[in-house]
Amino acid sequence: MLSAKSIATILAVAAVVALIVGCARRFTLNTDGGLVTLGDFPQLLSALSTTGGNGSFWVVLVPNTARDDGNYANLQYSIEGGRVGMDWVLLAKRNVEDKEAFTQFVTAAGATVTERVGNDVHYLRVSDRPDLAKLGQDFLQHFYHVGQEDKLQLIITDFELKPKTATKNI
């Protein structure tokens, strides 16, 4: 039979293990946001701006656009310097190839594009528009022919996304 001291020790160890597991789950980044459509962009931007902070972002991957580097064209929305912006990250080969098309499209829509560097990665940023969701939707529709119901893989970091906004992969 176990003594009271042994039982107390076992319970203490179990409590510490439970605490460690709980903290690990809480602080693990879940970057898989599931699948979204263009229509989800306004809700995603709202969630980013209300629950995110500097460095928070979401990215959609454009289907059927990967080059020999294996990376899809992608569009990112992030918070930088306390402001939400739309980013064209020049890392994927397809994004590099389509840099001028992105710049021409958004400037024709009246937005200002600035080239920046962060973590040794070049990117184009647009943050001077109140309708960033629509601007991104329009670009993906016109340039990549993404339809309203097409599913886009979503990657999220450091903000709260309500489950009904995204459809999980099955």
N, C-alpha and C. Protein backbone atom coordinates (compact mmCIF):
# COMPACT_ATOMS: atom_id res chain seq x y z
N MET A 1 0.84 -1.17 0.00
CA MET A 1 0.00 0.00 0.00
C MET A 1 0.89 1.24 0.00
N LEU A 2 0.49 2.23 -0.76
CA LEU A 2 1.27 3.46 -0.87
C LEU A 2 1.03 4.35 0.34
N SER A 3 2.09 5.00 0.76
CA SER A 3 1.95 5.93 1.88
C SER A 3 1.35 7.24 1.39
N ALA A 4 0.90 8.04 2.30
CA ALA A 4 0.33 9.35 1.96
C ALA A 4 1.37 10.21 1.26
N LYS A 5 2.63 10.08 1.68
CA LYS A 5 3.70 10.86 1.07
C LYS A 5 3.92 10.43 -0.38
N SER A 6 3.87 9.14 -0.65
CA SER A 6 4.04 8.62 -2.02
C SER A 6 2.89 9.09 -2.92
N ILE A 7 1.69 9.04 -2.39
CA ILE A 7 0.53 9.48 -3.16
C ILE A 7 0.64 10.97 -3.48
N ALA A 8 1.06 11.75 -2.49
CA ALA A 8 1.23 13.19 -2.70
C ALA A 8 2.29 13.46 -3.76
N THR A 9 3.38 12.70 -3.74
CA THR A 9 4.45 12.87 -4.73
C THR A 9 3.94 12.53 -6.13
N ILE A 10 3.21 11.43 -6.25
CA ILE A 10 2.67 11.02 -7.55
C ILE A 10 1.70 12.09 -8.07
N LEU A 11 0.85 12.60 -7.21
CA LEU A 11 -0.10 13.64 -7.62
C LEU A 11 0.63 14.92 -8.03
N ALA A 12 1.69 15.26 -7.32
CA ALA A 12 2.46 16.46 -7.66
C ALA A 12 3.13 16.30 -9.03
N VAL A 13 3.71 15.13 -9.28
CA VAL A 13 4.35 14.87 -10.57
C VAL A 13 3.31 14.91 -11.69
N ALA A 14 2.15 14.30 -11.45
CA ALA A 14 1.07 14.31 -12.45
C ALA A 14 0.61 15.74 -12.74
N ALA A 15 0.53 16.56 -11.71
CA ALA A 15 0.10 17.96 -11.90
C ALA A 15 1.13 18.73 -12.72
N VAL A 16 2.41 18.50 -12.46
CA VAL A 16 3.47 19.18 -13.22
C VAL A 16 3.43 18.74 -14.68
N VAL A 17 3.27 17.45 -14.92
CA VAL A 17 3.19 16.94 -16.30
C VAL A 17 1.99 17.55 -17.01
N ALA A 18 0.84 17.59 -16.33
CA ALA A 18 -0.36 18.19 -16.94
C ALA A 18 -0.13 19.66 -17.26
N LEU A 19 0.54 20.38 -16.37
CA LEU A 19 0.84 21.79 -16.60
C LEU A 19 1.76 21.97 -17.80
N ILE A 20 2.79 21.14 -17.90
CA ILE A 20 3.72 21.23 -19.02
C ILE A 20 3.01 20.94 -20.34
N VAL A 21 2.20 19.89 -20.37
CA VAL A 21 1.47 19.54 -21.59
C VAL A 21 0.50 20.65 -21.97
N GLY A 22 -0.20 21.20 -20.99
CA GLY A 22 -1.14 22.29 -21.25
C GLY A 22 -0.44 23.52 -21.80
N CYS A 23 0.69 23.88 -21.22
CA CYS A 23 1.45 25.04 -21.71
C CYS A 23 1.99 24.79 -23.11
N ALA A 24 2.47 23.59 -23.36
CA ALA A 24 3.01 23.27 -24.69
C ALA A 24 1.92 23.40 -25.74
N ARG A 25 0.72 22.91 -25.43
CA ARG A 25 -0.38 23.04 -26.38
C ARG A 25 -0.75 24.49 -26.60
N ARG A 26 -0.76 25.26 -25.54
CA ARG A 26 -1.16 26.66 -25.62
C ARG A 26 -0.20 27.49 -26.44
N PHE A 27 1.09 27.22 -26.32
CA PHE A 27 2.09 28.04 -26.98
C PHE A 27 2.60 27.48 -28.29
N THR A 28 2.10 26.33 -28.71
CA THR A 28 2.47 25.78 -29.99
C THR A 28 1.74 26.55 -31.08
N LEU A 29 2.46 26.98 -32.10
CA LEU A 29 1.83 27.70 -33.19
C LEU A 29 1.12 26.73 -34.11
N ASN A 30 -0.15 26.94 -34.32
CA ASN A 30 -0.89 26.16 -35.29
C ASN A 30 -0.98 27.01 -36.54
N THR A 31 -0.17 26.68 -37.52
CA THR A 31 -0.13 27.50 -38.72
C THR A 31 -1.08 27.03 -39.80
N ASP A 32 -1.64 25.83 -39.67
CA ASP A 32 -2.56 25.32 -40.68
C ASP A 32 -3.93 25.93 -40.45
N GLY A 33 -4.29 26.86 -41.32
CA GLY A 33 -5.59 27.51 -41.21
C GLY A 33 -6.66 26.82 -42.02
N GLY A 34 -6.33 25.70 -42.67
CA GLY A 34 -7.31 25.00 -43.48
C GLY A 34 -7.43 25.61 -44.86
N LEU A 35 -8.63 25.56 -45.40
CA LEU A 35 -8.89 26.08 -46.73
C LEU A 35 -9.88 27.24 -46.64
N VAL A 36 -9.64 28.26 -47.45
CA VAL A 36 -10.53 29.42 -47.48
C VAL A 36 -10.82 29.78 -48.92
N THR A 37 -11.79 30.67 -49.09
CA THR A 37 -12.10 31.21 -50.42
C THR A 37 -11.84 32.72 -50.38
N LEU A 38 -11.91 33.33 -51.54
CA LEU A 38 -11.72 34.78 -51.61
C LEU A 38 -12.72 35.52 -50.72
N GLY A 39 -13.91 34.96 -50.59
CA GLY A 39 -14.94 35.59 -49.77
C GLY A 39 -14.60 35.64 -48.29
N ASP A 40 -13.62 34.85 -47.86
CA ASP A 40 -13.21 34.85 -46.45
C ASP A 40 -12.22 35.97 -46.13
N PHE A 41 -11.69 36.64 -47.14
CA PHE A 41 -10.66 37.65 -46.90
C PHE A 41 -11.08 38.74 -45.92
N PRO A 42 -12.28 39.32 -46.02
CA PRO A 42 -12.65 40.37 -45.06
C PRO A 42 -12.64 39.88 -43.60
N GLN A 43 -13.17 38.67 -43.36
CA GLN A 43 -13.18 38.14 -42.00
C GLN A 43 -11.77 37.84 -41.51
N LEU A 44 -10.92 37.34 -42.40
CA LEU A 44 -9.53 37.07 -42.03
C LEU A 44 -8.80 38.36 -41.66
N LEU A 45 -9.01 39.41 -42.45
CA LEU A 45 -8.38 40.70 -42.14
C LEU A 45 -8.90 41.26 -40.83
N SER A 46 -10.19 41.11 -40.59
CA SER A 46 -10.76 41.59 -39.34
C SER A 46 -10.16 40.85 -38.15
N ALA A 47 -10.05 39.53 -38.25
CA ALA A 47 -9.46 38.74 -37.16
C ALA A 47 -8.00 39.13 -36.95
N LEU A 48 -7.27 39.32 -38.03
CA LEU A 48 -5.86 39.72 -37.93
C LEU A 48 -5.74 41.06 -37.22
N SER A 49 -6.54 42.04 -37.64
CA SER A 49 -6.40 43.38 -37.08
C SER A 49 -6.90 43.49 -35.65
N THR A 50 -7.87 42.66 -35.26
CA THR A 50 -8.41 42.76 -33.90
C THR A 50 -7.71 41.87 -32.89
N THR A 51 -7.11 40.76 -33.33
CA THR A 51 -6.48 39.85 -32.37
C THR A 51 -4.99 39.67 -32.57
N GLY A 52 -4.44 40.25 -33.63
CA GLY A 52 -3.02 40.10 -33.91
C GLY A 52 -2.21 41.28 -33.43
N GLY A 53 -0.92 41.16 -33.57
CA GLY A 53 0.02 42.23 -33.23
C GLY A 53 1.14 42.24 -34.24
N ASN A 54 2.14 43.06 -34.01
CA ASN A 54 3.27 43.12 -34.93
C ASN A 54 3.83 41.72 -35.16
N GLY A 55 4.00 41.36 -36.42
CA GLY A 55 4.52 40.04 -36.77
C GLY A 55 3.44 39.02 -37.06
N SER A 56 2.20 39.31 -36.71
CA SER A 56 1.10 38.38 -37.02
C SER A 56 0.82 38.45 -38.52
N PHE A 57 0.43 37.30 -39.10
CA PHE A 57 0.13 37.31 -40.53
C PHE A 57 -0.73 36.13 -40.93
N TRP A 58 -1.28 36.24 -42.13
CA TRP A 58 -1.89 35.09 -42.81
C TRP A 58 -1.50 35.13 -44.27
N VAL A 59 -1.40 33.94 -44.84
CA VAL A 59 -0.96 33.78 -46.22
C VAL A 59 -1.90 32.80 -46.91
N VAL A 60 -2.24 33.09 -48.16
CA VAL A 60 -2.95 32.11 -48.98
C VAL A 60 -2.03 31.66 -50.10
N LEU A 61 -2.10 30.36 -50.39
CA LEU A 61 -1.31 29.77 -51.48
C LEU A 61 -2.22 29.61 -52.69
N VAL A 62 -1.75 30.07 -53.84
CA VAL A 62 -2.56 30.03 -55.06
C VAL A 62 -2.34 28.68 -55.75
N PRO A 63 -3.41 27.89 -55.89
CA PRO A 63 -3.26 26.56 -56.50
C PRO A 63 -2.72 26.62 -57.93
N ASN A 64 -2.01 25.58 -58.31
CA ASN A 64 -1.52 25.39 -59.68
C ASN A 64 -0.57 26.49 -60.15
N THR A 65 0.20 27.06 -59.24
CA THR A 65 1.14 28.12 -59.62
C THR A 65 2.59 27.80 -59.28
N ALA A 66 2.84 26.62 -58.71
CA ALA A 66 4.20 26.29 -58.29
C ALA A 66 5.13 26.15 -59.50
N ARG A 67 6.33 26.61 -59.32
CA ARG A 67 7.39 26.44 -60.31
C ARG A 67 8.29 25.31 -59.86
N ASP A 68 9.47 25.20 -60.46
CA ASP A 68 10.37 24.10 -60.12
C ASP A 68 10.93 24.18 -58.70
N ASP A 69 10.71 25.31 -58.01
CA ASP A 69 11.12 25.40 -56.60
C ASP A 69 10.10 24.75 -55.68
N GLY A 70 8.93 24.37 -56.24
CA GLY A 70 7.90 23.70 -55.45
C GLY A 70 7.02 24.64 -54.65
N ASN A 71 7.27 25.94 -54.71
CA ASN A 71 6.50 26.90 -53.93
C ASN A 71 5.42 27.56 -54.78
N TYR A 72 4.24 27.68 -54.20
CA TYR A 72 3.13 28.33 -54.88
C TYR A 72 3.23 29.84 -54.78
N ALA A 73 2.65 30.53 -55.76
CA ALA A 73 2.46 31.97 -55.61
C ALA A 73 1.64 32.16 -54.35
N ASN A 74 1.92 33.22 -53.62
CA ASN A 74 1.20 33.42 -52.37
C ASN A 74 1.03 34.90 -52.09
N LEU A 75 -0.02 35.20 -51.36
CA LEU A 75 -0.34 36.56 -50.98
C LEU A 75 -0.46 36.60 -49.47
N GLN A 76 0.19 37.58 -48.86
CA GLN A 76 0.24 37.66 -47.40
C GLN A 76 -0.39 38.97 -46.92
N TYR A 77 -1.04 38.89 -45.78
CA TYR A 77 -1.51 40.07 -45.05
C TYR A 77 -0.85 40.01 -43.68
N SER A 78 -0.29 41.12 -43.23
CA SER A 78 0.44 41.10 -41.97
C SER A 78 0.30 42.42 -41.24
N ILE A 79 0.74 42.39 -39.98
CA ILE A 79 0.80 43.62 -39.19
C ILE A 79 2.27 43.97 -39.01
N GLU A 80 2.59 45.18 -39.41
CA GLU A 80 3.97 45.68 -39.33
C GLU A 80 3.90 47.12 -38.84
N GLY A 81 4.62 47.42 -37.79
CA GLY A 81 4.59 48.78 -37.24
C GLY A 81 3.20 49.19 -36.80
N GLY A 82 2.41 48.22 -36.36
CA GLY A 82 1.06 48.50 -35.90
C GLY A 82 0.02 48.68 -36.99
N ARG A 83 0.42 48.51 -38.26
CA ARG A 83 -0.50 48.69 -39.39
C ARG A 83 -0.67 47.40 -40.18
N VAL A 84 -1.90 47.13 -40.57
CA VAL A 84 -2.17 45.98 -41.42
C VAL A 84 -1.78 46.34 -42.85
N GLY A 85 -1.17 45.41 -43.53
CA GLY A 85 -0.79 45.62 -44.93
C GLY A 85 -0.87 44.33 -45.71
N MET A 86 -0.79 44.48 -47.02
CA MET A 86 -0.78 43.34 -47.94
C MET A 86 0.64 43.22 -48.49
N ASP A 87 1.18 42.00 -48.45
CA ASP A 87 2.57 41.78 -48.84
C ASP A 87 2.68 40.78 -49.99
N TRP A 88 3.56 41.10 -50.92
CA TRP A 88 3.94 40.19 -51.99
C TRP A 88 5.38 39.79 -51.70
N VAL A 89 5.54 38.64 -51.06
CA VAL A 89 6.85 38.21 -50.58
C VAL A 89 7.64 37.59 -51.72
N LEU A 90 8.84 38.09 -51.94
CA LEU A 90 9.65 37.69 -53.09
C LEU A 90 10.58 36.53 -52.74
N LEU A 91 9.95 35.43 -52.32
CA LEU A 91 10.69 34.23 -51.95
C LEU A 91 10.38 33.10 -52.93
N ALA A 92 9.11 32.84 -53.16
CA ALA A 92 8.71 31.82 -54.14
C ALA A 92 9.08 32.31 -55.54
N LYS A 93 9.55 31.39 -56.36
CA LYS A 93 9.95 31.74 -57.73
C LYS A 93 8.81 32.43 -58.48
N ARG A 94 7.59 31.93 -58.30
CA ARG A 94 6.44 32.51 -59.00
C ARG A 94 6.19 33.94 -58.54
N ASN A 95 6.34 34.23 -57.25
CA ASN A 95 6.16 35.60 -56.78
C ASN A 95 7.21 36.53 -57.38
N VAL A 96 8.43 36.03 -57.50
CA VAL A 96 9.50 36.85 -58.10
C VAL A 96 9.17 37.13 -59.57
N GLU A 97 8.73 36.09 -60.29
CA GLU A 97 8.37 36.25 -61.70
C GLU A 97 7.23 37.26 -61.88
N ASP A 98 6.29 37.26 -60.95
CA ASP A 98 5.09 38.08 -61.09
C ASP A 98 5.16 39.40 -60.34
N LYS A 99 6.35 39.78 -59.92
CA LYS A 99 6.56 41.02 -59.15
C LYS A 99 6.03 42.24 -59.90
N GLU A 100 6.38 42.37 -61.17
CA GLU A 100 5.95 43.54 -61.95
C GLU A 100 4.44 43.55 -62.16
N ALA A 101 3.86 42.38 -62.40
CA ALA A 101 2.41 42.30 -62.59
C ALA A 101 1.68 42.74 -61.32
N PHE A 102 2.18 42.30 -60.17
CA PHE A 102 1.58 42.70 -58.90
C PHE A 102 1.68 44.21 -58.73
N THR A 103 2.87 44.74 -58.96
CA THR A 103 3.10 46.18 -58.81
C THR A 103 2.19 46.98 -59.74
N GLN A 104 2.12 46.58 -60.99
CA GLN A 104 1.28 47.30 -61.95
C GLN A 104 -0.20 47.24 -61.57
N PHE A 105 -0.64 46.07 -61.13
CA PHE A 105 -2.05 45.91 -60.78
C PHE A 105 -2.43 46.81 -59.61
N VAL A 106 -1.66 46.76 -58.53
CA VAL A 106 -2.05 47.52 -57.34
C VAL A 106 -1.84 49.03 -57.53
N THR A 107 -0.84 49.43 -58.30
CA THR A 107 -0.67 50.87 -58.54
C THR A 107 -1.77 51.39 -59.46
N ALA A 108 -2.21 50.56 -60.42
CA ALA A 108 -3.33 50.96 -61.28
C ALA A 108 -4.61 51.13 -60.47
N ALA A 109 -4.70 50.42 -59.34
CA ALA A 109 -5.86 50.53 -58.46
C ALA A 109 -5.72 51.71 -57.50
N GLY A 110 -4.61 52.45 -57.60
CA GLY A 110 -4.42 53.64 -56.78
C GLY A 110 -3.64 53.42 -55.50
N ALA A 111 -3.07 52.25 -55.32
CA ALA A 111 -2.30 51.96 -54.10
C ALA A 111 -0.83 52.27 -54.32
N THR A 112 -0.13 52.47 -53.23
CA THR A 112 1.31 52.69 -53.26
C THR A 112 2.01 51.42 -52.83
N VAL A 113 3.02 51.02 -53.59
CA VAL A 113 3.79 49.82 -53.29
C VAL A 113 5.18 50.26 -52.83
N THR A 114 5.62 49.71 -51.70
CA THR A 114 6.99 49.98 -51.25
C THR A 114 7.72 48.65 -51.14
N GLU A 115 8.97 48.64 -51.60
CA GLU A 115 9.77 47.43 -51.47
C GLU A 115 10.52 47.50 -50.15
N ARG A 116 10.47 46.40 -49.42
CA ARG A 116 11.10 46.33 -48.10
C ARG A 116 11.90 45.04 -47.98
N VAL A 117 12.69 44.98 -46.91
CA VAL A 117 13.46 43.78 -46.61
C VAL A 117 13.26 43.47 -45.13
N GLY A 118 12.93 42.22 -44.85
CA GLY A 118 12.79 41.75 -43.47
C GLY A 118 13.30 40.33 -43.38
N ASN A 119 14.13 40.05 -42.40
CA ASN A 119 14.73 38.72 -42.25
C ASN A 119 15.44 38.28 -43.54
N ASP A 120 16.11 39.23 -44.18
CA ASP A 120 16.84 38.99 -45.43
C ASP A 120 15.95 38.56 -46.59
N VAL A 121 14.66 38.85 -46.50
CA VAL A 121 13.72 38.53 -47.58
C VAL A 121 13.12 39.83 -48.10
N HIS A 122 13.16 40.01 -49.41
CA HIS A 122 12.55 41.19 -50.03
C HIS A 122 11.06 40.95 -50.21
N TYR A 123 10.28 42.01 -50.06
CA TYR A 123 8.84 41.91 -50.27
C TYR A 123 8.29 43.28 -50.65
N LEU A 124 7.14 43.26 -51.30
CA LEU A 124 6.43 44.49 -51.66
C LEU A 124 5.29 44.64 -50.67
N ARG A 125 5.07 45.87 -50.19
CA ARG A 125 4.03 46.10 -49.18
C ARG A 125 3.09 47.20 -49.63
N VAL A 126 1.81 46.96 -49.40
CA VAL A 126 0.76 47.93 -49.66
C VAL A 126 0.01 48.11 -48.34
N SER A 127 -0.05 49.33 -47.83
CA SER A 127 -0.76 49.53 -46.56
C SER A 127 -1.58 50.81 -46.55
N ASP A 128 -1.68 51.46 -47.69
CA ASP A 128 -2.36 52.76 -47.74
C ASP A 128 -3.78 52.67 -48.27
N ARG A 129 -4.39 51.51 -48.16
CA ARG A 129 -5.74 51.33 -48.70
C ARG A 129 -6.68 50.79 -47.63
N PRO A 130 -7.89 51.32 -47.55
CA PRO A 130 -8.86 50.77 -46.60
C PRO A 130 -9.47 49.46 -47.09
N ASP A 131 -9.35 49.18 -48.38
CA ASP A 131 -9.97 47.99 -48.97
C ASP A 131 -8.94 46.95 -49.40
N LEU A 132 -8.02 46.63 -48.49
CA LEU A 132 -6.95 45.68 -48.82
C LEU A 132 -7.49 44.29 -49.16
N ALA A 133 -8.57 43.88 -48.50
CA ALA A 133 -9.15 42.57 -48.81
C ALA A 133 -9.60 42.53 -50.26
N LYS A 134 -10.31 43.54 -50.69
CA LYS A 134 -10.82 43.59 -52.07
C LYS A 134 -9.67 43.68 -53.07
N LEU A 135 -8.66 44.45 -52.75
CA LEU A 135 -7.52 44.58 -53.65
C LEU A 135 -6.85 43.22 -53.87
N GLY A 136 -6.64 42.47 -52.80
CA GLY A 136 -6.05 41.14 -52.92
C GLY A 136 -6.95 40.17 -53.67
N GLN A 137 -8.25 40.22 -53.37
CA GLN A 137 -9.21 39.38 -54.08
C GLN A 137 -9.16 39.66 -55.58
N ASP A 138 -9.21 40.95 -55.91
CA ASP A 138 -9.21 41.35 -57.33
C ASP A 138 -7.94 40.89 -58.04
N PHE A 139 -6.80 41.05 -57.38
CA PHE A 139 -5.54 40.63 -58.02
C PHE A 139 -5.56 39.13 -58.29
N LEU A 140 -5.94 38.34 -57.30
CA LEU A 140 -5.95 36.89 -57.48
C LEU A 140 -6.96 36.46 -58.54
N GLN A 141 -8.09 37.16 -58.61
CA GLN A 141 -9.09 36.84 -59.63
C GLN A 141 -8.59 37.19 -61.03
N HIS A 142 -8.07 38.39 -61.19
CA HIS A 142 -7.68 38.86 -62.52
C HIS A 142 -6.39 38.24 -63.02
N PHE A 143 -5.41 38.09 -62.16
CA PHE A 143 -4.11 37.62 -62.63
C PHE A 143 -4.00 36.10 -62.64
N TYR A 144 -4.53 35.44 -61.61
CA TYR A 144 -4.43 33.98 -61.52
C TYR A 144 -5.75 33.26 -61.81
N HIS A 145 -6.79 34.02 -62.10
CA HIS A 145 -8.11 33.47 -62.42
C HIS A 145 -8.67 32.60 -61.29
N VAL A 146 -8.43 33.02 -60.06
CA VAL A 146 -8.99 32.33 -58.89
C VAL A 146 -10.47 32.67 -58.83
N GLY A 147 -11.31 31.64 -58.76
CA GLY A 147 -12.75 31.84 -58.69
C GLY A 147 -13.22 32.06 -57.26
N GLN A 148 -14.43 32.58 -57.13
CA GLN A 148 -15.00 32.86 -55.80
C GLN A 148 -15.08 31.62 -54.92
N GLU A 149 -15.28 30.46 -55.50
CA GLU A 149 -15.43 29.23 -54.71
C GLU A 149 -14.16 28.38 -54.68
N ASP A 150 -13.10 28.81 -55.35
CA ASP A 150 -11.85 28.05 -55.32
C ASP A 150 -11.29 28.03 -53.91
N LYS A 151 -10.75 26.88 -53.52
CA LYS A 151 -10.18 26.71 -52.18
C LYS A 151 -8.70 27.06 -52.20
N LEU A 152 -8.30 27.89 -51.26
CA LEU A 152 -6.91 28.31 -51.12
C LEU A 152 -6.39 27.83 -49.77
N GLN A 153 -5.20 27.25 -49.75
CA GLN A 153 -4.59 26.83 -48.49
C GLN A 153 -4.24 28.08 -47.69
N LEU A 154 -4.57 28.07 -46.41
CA LEU A 154 -4.34 29.21 -45.53
C LEU A 154 -3.28 28.87 -44.50
N ILE A 155 -2.34 29.77 -44.31
CA ILE A 155 -1.32 29.65 -43.27
C ILE A 155 -1.51 30.86 -42.35
N ILE A 156 -1.59 30.61 -41.05
CA ILE A 156 -1.80 31.70 -40.10
C ILE A 156 -0.73 31.66 -39.01
N THR A 157 -0.42 32.82 -38.46
CA THR A 157 0.52 32.90 -37.35
C THR A 157 0.17 34.06 -36.43
N ASP A 158 0.06 33.75 -35.15
CA ASP A 158 -0.04 34.74 -34.08
C ASP A 158 -1.30 35.61 -34.07
N PHE A 159 -2.44 35.04 -34.40
CA PHE A 159 -3.70 35.73 -34.17
C PHE A 159 -4.79 34.68 -34.05
N GLU A 160 -5.93 35.09 -33.51
CA GLU A 160 -7.03 34.16 -33.29
C GLU A 160 -7.96 34.12 -34.48
N LEU A 161 -8.20 32.92 -34.95
CA LEU A 161 -9.09 32.73 -36.09
C LEU A 161 -10.24 31.84 -35.64
N LYS A 162 -11.44 32.34 -35.74
CA LYS A 162 -12.60 31.54 -35.36
C LYS A 162 -12.77 30.40 -36.35
N PRO A 163 -13.08 29.20 -35.86
CA PRO A 163 -13.15 28.02 -36.72
C PRO A 163 -14.08 28.14 -37.92
N LYS A 164 -15.17 28.89 -37.82
CA LYS A 164 -16.10 28.94 -38.95
C LYS A 164 -15.56 29.77 -40.12
N THR A 165 -14.48 30.52 -39.91
CA THR A 165 -13.91 31.32 -40.99
C THR A 165 -13.20 30.44 -42.00
N ALA A 166 -12.58 29.37 -41.55
CA ALA A 166 -11.82 28.51 -42.45
C ALA A 166 -12.40 27.11 -42.45
N THR A 167 -12.24 26.42 -43.56
CA THR A 167 -12.66 25.03 -43.67
C THR A 167 -11.43 24.17 -43.51
N LYS A 168 -11.44 23.28 -42.54
CA LYS A 168 -10.28 22.42 -42.30
C LYS A 168 -10.13 21.41 -43.43
N ASN A 169 -8.88 21.05 -43.69
CA ASN A 169 -8.60 20.00 -44.68
C ASN A 169 -9.20 18.70 -44.20
N ILE A 170 -9.70 17.92 -45.11
CA ILE A 170 -10.26 16.61 -44.75
C ILE A 170 -9.33 15.53 -45.25
